[in-house]
Structures are given as C-alpha cells and as structure tokens.
Amino acid sequence: IFQEAGLPLWLRPYEVLCTSSYTALIETIPDTASLHSIKSRHPNISSLREFYIAKYLEDSPNFKLAQVM
C-alpha cells in the first residue's frame, strides 16, 4: 500500500507479552528514542510535535519527511 502511494514507509511488527489482565511488556524497537528520553534531554519539549518543530523548521521538506519516517 505504501509503495503504491509513493510513500517511503514500512511497518515493523513487534511482540507484546501480556503479563496480567492489565499489564504487558512491549518489545523495544532498536535505534529509536522514547518520549521520556527526549523530554529528559530537552526540558522545554512536552510533545513529539514540539520536538520536531524545534529540530526541523516547520513546513520545511525535512519537517514533512520526519513526520512520515
């Protein structure tokens, strides 16, 4: 579907291990940063959108590309 639409996207399946009726362990995805780690390094950031706006100029090609990656 992504190729047909000309989008540079891919899906990666991951495992979820249910440990009780209300808890689970989720497989980590390599080479990613958690929102917690981003907020720890950038105290003024409170959302992923704010992070991307701070890192990339909003409405620039790189900003748009970062949203789909």
N, C-alpha and C. Protein backbone atom coordinates (compact mmCIF):
# COMPACT_ATOMS: atom_id res chain seq x y z
N ILE A 1 0.83 -1.19 0.00
CA ILE A 1 0.00 0.00 0.00
C ILE A 1 0.88 1.25 0.00
N PHE A 2 1.93 1.26 0.83
CA PHE A 2 2.79 2.43 0.91
C PHE A 2 3.53 2.65 -0.41
N GLN A 3 4.02 1.57 -1.01
CA GLN A 3 4.73 1.70 -2.29
C GLN A 3 3.80 2.24 -3.37
N GLU A 4 2.59 1.72 -3.42
CA GLU A 4 1.63 2.18 -4.43
C GLU A 4 1.32 3.66 -4.27
N ALA A 5 1.32 4.15 -3.03
CA ALA A 5 1.05 5.56 -2.76
C ALA A 5 2.31 6.42 -2.91
N GLY A 6 3.47 5.78 -3.15
CA GLY A 6 4.71 6.53 -3.30
C GLY A 6 5.27 7.05 -1.99
N LEU A 7 4.93 6.40 -0.88
CA LEU A 7 5.40 6.83 0.43
C LEU A 7 6.58 5.98 0.88
N PRO A 8 7.63 6.61 1.44
CA PRO A 8 8.81 5.86 1.88
C PRO A 8 8.60 5.29 3.29
N LEU A 9 7.57 4.47 3.47
CA LEU A 9 7.24 3.94 4.79
C LEU A 9 7.34 2.42 4.80
N TRP A 10 7.52 1.88 5.99
CA TRP A 10 7.47 0.45 6.18
C TRP A 10 6.95 0.17 7.58
N LEU A 11 6.40 -1.00 7.77
CA LEU A 11 5.89 -1.41 9.08
C LEU A 11 6.80 -2.48 9.66
N ARG A 12 7.00 -2.41 10.95
CA ARG A 12 7.80 -3.42 11.62
C ARG A 12 6.93 -4.04 12.71
N PRO A 13 6.66 -5.33 12.62
CA PRO A 13 5.86 -5.96 13.69
C PRO A 13 6.68 -6.04 14.98
N TYR A 14 6.01 -6.04 16.10
CA TYR A 14 6.69 -6.18 17.37
C TYR A 14 5.83 -7.05 18.28
N GLU A 15 6.45 -7.60 19.30
CA GLU A 15 5.78 -8.52 20.22
C GLU A 15 5.23 -7.79 21.43
N VAL A 16 4.08 -8.24 21.91
CA VAL A 16 3.50 -7.77 23.16
C VAL A 16 3.24 -9.01 24.00
N LEU A 17 3.84 -9.05 25.19
CA LEU A 17 3.68 -10.18 26.09
C LEU A 17 2.76 -9.77 27.23
N CYS A 18 1.57 -10.31 27.27
CA CYS A 18 0.63 -10.00 28.36
C CYS A 18 1.12 -10.66 29.63
N THR A 19 1.26 -9.89 30.70
CA THR A 19 1.73 -10.43 31.97
C THR A 19 0.61 -10.52 33.00
N SER A 20 -0.50 -9.84 32.75
CA SER A 20 -1.69 -9.96 33.58
C SER A 20 -2.85 -9.36 32.79
N SER A 21 -4.01 -9.26 33.41
CA SER A 21 -5.17 -8.72 32.70
C SER A 21 -5.07 -7.21 32.46
N TYR A 22 -4.11 -6.55 33.11
CA TYR A 22 -3.97 -5.10 32.94
C TYR A 22 -2.53 -4.63 32.72
N THR A 23 -1.59 -5.55 32.51
CA THR A 23 -0.20 -5.16 32.25
C THR A 23 0.38 -6.00 31.11
N ALA A 24 1.43 -5.45 30.49
CA ALA A 24 2.11 -6.17 29.41
C ALA A 24 3.51 -5.62 29.23
N LEU A 25 4.35 -6.39 28.58
CA LEU A 25 5.67 -5.95 28.18
C LEU A 25 5.64 -5.78 26.66
N ILE A 26 6.16 -4.66 26.19
CA ILE A 26 6.19 -4.38 24.76
C ILE A 26 7.63 -4.43 24.29
N GLU A 27 7.88 -5.14 23.21
CA GLU A 27 9.22 -5.25 22.64
C GLU A 27 9.74 -3.87 22.28
N THR A 28 11.00 -3.63 22.60
CA THR A 28 11.60 -2.35 22.22
C THR A 28 11.95 -2.37 20.73
N ILE A 29 11.98 -1.20 20.15
CA ILE A 29 12.34 -1.06 18.74
C ILE A 29 13.73 -0.43 18.68
N PRO A 30 14.69 -1.12 18.06
CA PRO A 30 16.06 -0.61 18.03
C PRO A 30 16.19 0.74 17.32
N ASP A 31 17.19 1.50 17.73
CA ASP A 31 17.53 2.78 17.10
C ASP A 31 16.39 3.79 17.18
N THR A 32 15.66 3.79 18.29
CA THR A 32 14.61 4.78 18.50
C THR A 32 14.82 5.46 19.84
N ALA A 33 14.19 6.57 20.01
CA ALA A 33 14.25 7.29 21.29
C ALA A 33 12.84 7.36 21.87
N SER A 34 12.73 7.14 23.15
CA SER A 34 11.43 7.25 23.79
C SER A 34 11.10 8.72 24.04
N LEU A 35 9.83 9.01 24.19
CA LEU A 35 9.42 10.38 24.51
C LEU A 35 10.04 10.80 25.84
N HIS A 36 10.15 9.87 26.79
CA HIS A 36 10.77 10.16 28.08
C HIS A 36 12.23 10.63 27.90
N SER A 37 12.99 9.91 27.06
CA SER A 37 14.39 10.30 26.87
C SER A 37 14.51 11.64 26.15
N ILE A 38 13.61 11.91 25.21
CA ILE A 38 13.62 13.21 24.53
C ILE A 38 13.32 14.33 25.52
N LYS A 39 12.32 14.13 26.37
CA LYS A 39 11.97 15.15 27.37
C LYS A 39 13.10 15.34 28.38
N SER A 40 13.83 14.27 28.69
CA SER A 40 14.95 14.38 29.64
C SER A 40 16.07 15.24 29.06
N ARG A 41 16.34 15.07 27.77
CA ARG A 41 17.41 15.83 27.12
C ARG A 41 16.99 17.23 26.72
N HIS A 42 15.70 17.44 26.54
CA HIS A 42 15.17 18.75 26.11
C HIS A 42 14.04 19.15 27.06
N PRO A 43 14.34 19.76 28.20
CA PRO A 43 13.32 20.06 29.21
C PRO A 43 12.19 20.97 28.74
N ASN A 44 12.41 21.74 27.68
CA ASN A 44 11.36 22.64 27.18
C ASN A 44 10.37 21.93 26.27
N ILE A 45 10.65 20.68 25.93
CA ILE A 45 9.82 19.91 25.00
C ILE A 45 8.78 19.11 25.79
N SER A 46 7.51 19.21 25.36
CA SER A 46 6.48 18.43 26.05
C SER A 46 5.74 17.47 25.12
N SER A 47 6.07 17.48 23.82
CA SER A 47 5.41 16.57 22.89
C SER A 47 6.36 16.28 21.72
N LEU A 48 6.06 15.21 20.98
CA LEU A 48 6.86 14.91 19.81
C LEU A 48 6.75 16.01 18.76
N ARG A 49 5.58 16.59 18.63
CA ARG A 49 5.40 17.69 17.67
C ARG A 49 6.33 18.85 18.01
N GLU A 50 6.40 19.23 19.30
CA GLU A 50 7.30 20.31 19.71
C GLU A 50 8.75 19.95 19.42
N PHE A 51 9.11 18.68 19.61
CA PHE A 51 10.48 18.25 19.33
C PHE A 51 10.80 18.43 17.85
N TYR A 52 9.91 17.97 16.97
CA TYR A 52 10.16 18.09 15.54
C TYR A 52 10.17 19.54 15.09
N ILE A 53 9.33 20.38 15.67
CA ILE A 53 9.34 21.80 15.33
C ILE A 53 10.67 22.43 15.75
N ALA A 54 11.18 22.03 16.94
CA ALA A 54 12.46 22.57 17.42
C ALA A 54 13.63 22.05 16.59
N LYS A 55 13.56 20.78 16.16
CA LYS A 55 14.67 20.17 15.42
C LYS A 55 14.67 20.56 13.94
N TYR A 56 13.49 20.63 13.35
CA TYR A 56 13.36 20.95 11.92
C TYR A 56 12.50 22.20 11.78
N LEU A 57 12.75 22.98 10.80
CA LEU A 57 11.94 24.16 10.53
C LEU A 57 10.56 23.70 10.08
N GLU A 58 9.52 24.14 10.78
CA GLU A 58 8.15 23.70 10.46
C GLU A 58 7.82 24.03 9.01
N ASP A 59 7.14 23.13 8.35
CA ASP A 59 6.72 23.24 6.94
C ASP A 59 7.88 23.12 5.95
N SER A 60 9.08 22.79 6.43
CA SER A 60 10.20 22.54 5.52
C SER A 60 10.09 21.11 4.98
N PRO A 61 10.78 20.80 3.89
CA PRO A 61 10.77 19.41 3.38
C PRO A 61 11.26 18.41 4.42
N ASN A 62 12.29 18.78 5.21
CA ASN A 62 12.80 17.86 6.24
C ASN A 62 11.77 17.63 7.34
N PHE A 63 11.02 18.66 7.70
CA PHE A 63 9.96 18.51 8.72
C PHE A 63 8.90 17.55 8.22
N LYS A 64 8.49 17.70 6.98
CA LYS A 64 7.46 16.82 6.41
C LYS A 64 7.98 15.39 6.28
N LEU A 65 9.24 15.24 5.90
CA LEU A 65 9.83 13.91 5.79
C LEU A 65 9.93 13.25 7.15
N ALA A 66 10.29 14.00 8.18
CA ALA A 66 10.42 13.44 9.54
C ALA A 66 9.07 12.95 10.04
N GLN A 67 7.99 13.55 9.61
CA GLN A 67 6.66 13.13 10.06
C GLN A 67 6.27 11.77 9.49
N VAL A 68 6.78 11.42 8.33
CA VAL A 68 6.40 10.14 7.73
C VAL A 68 7.41 9.05 7.97
N MET A 69 8.57 9.38 8.52
CA MET A 69 9.58 8.36 8.73
C MET A 69 9.29 7.55 9.96
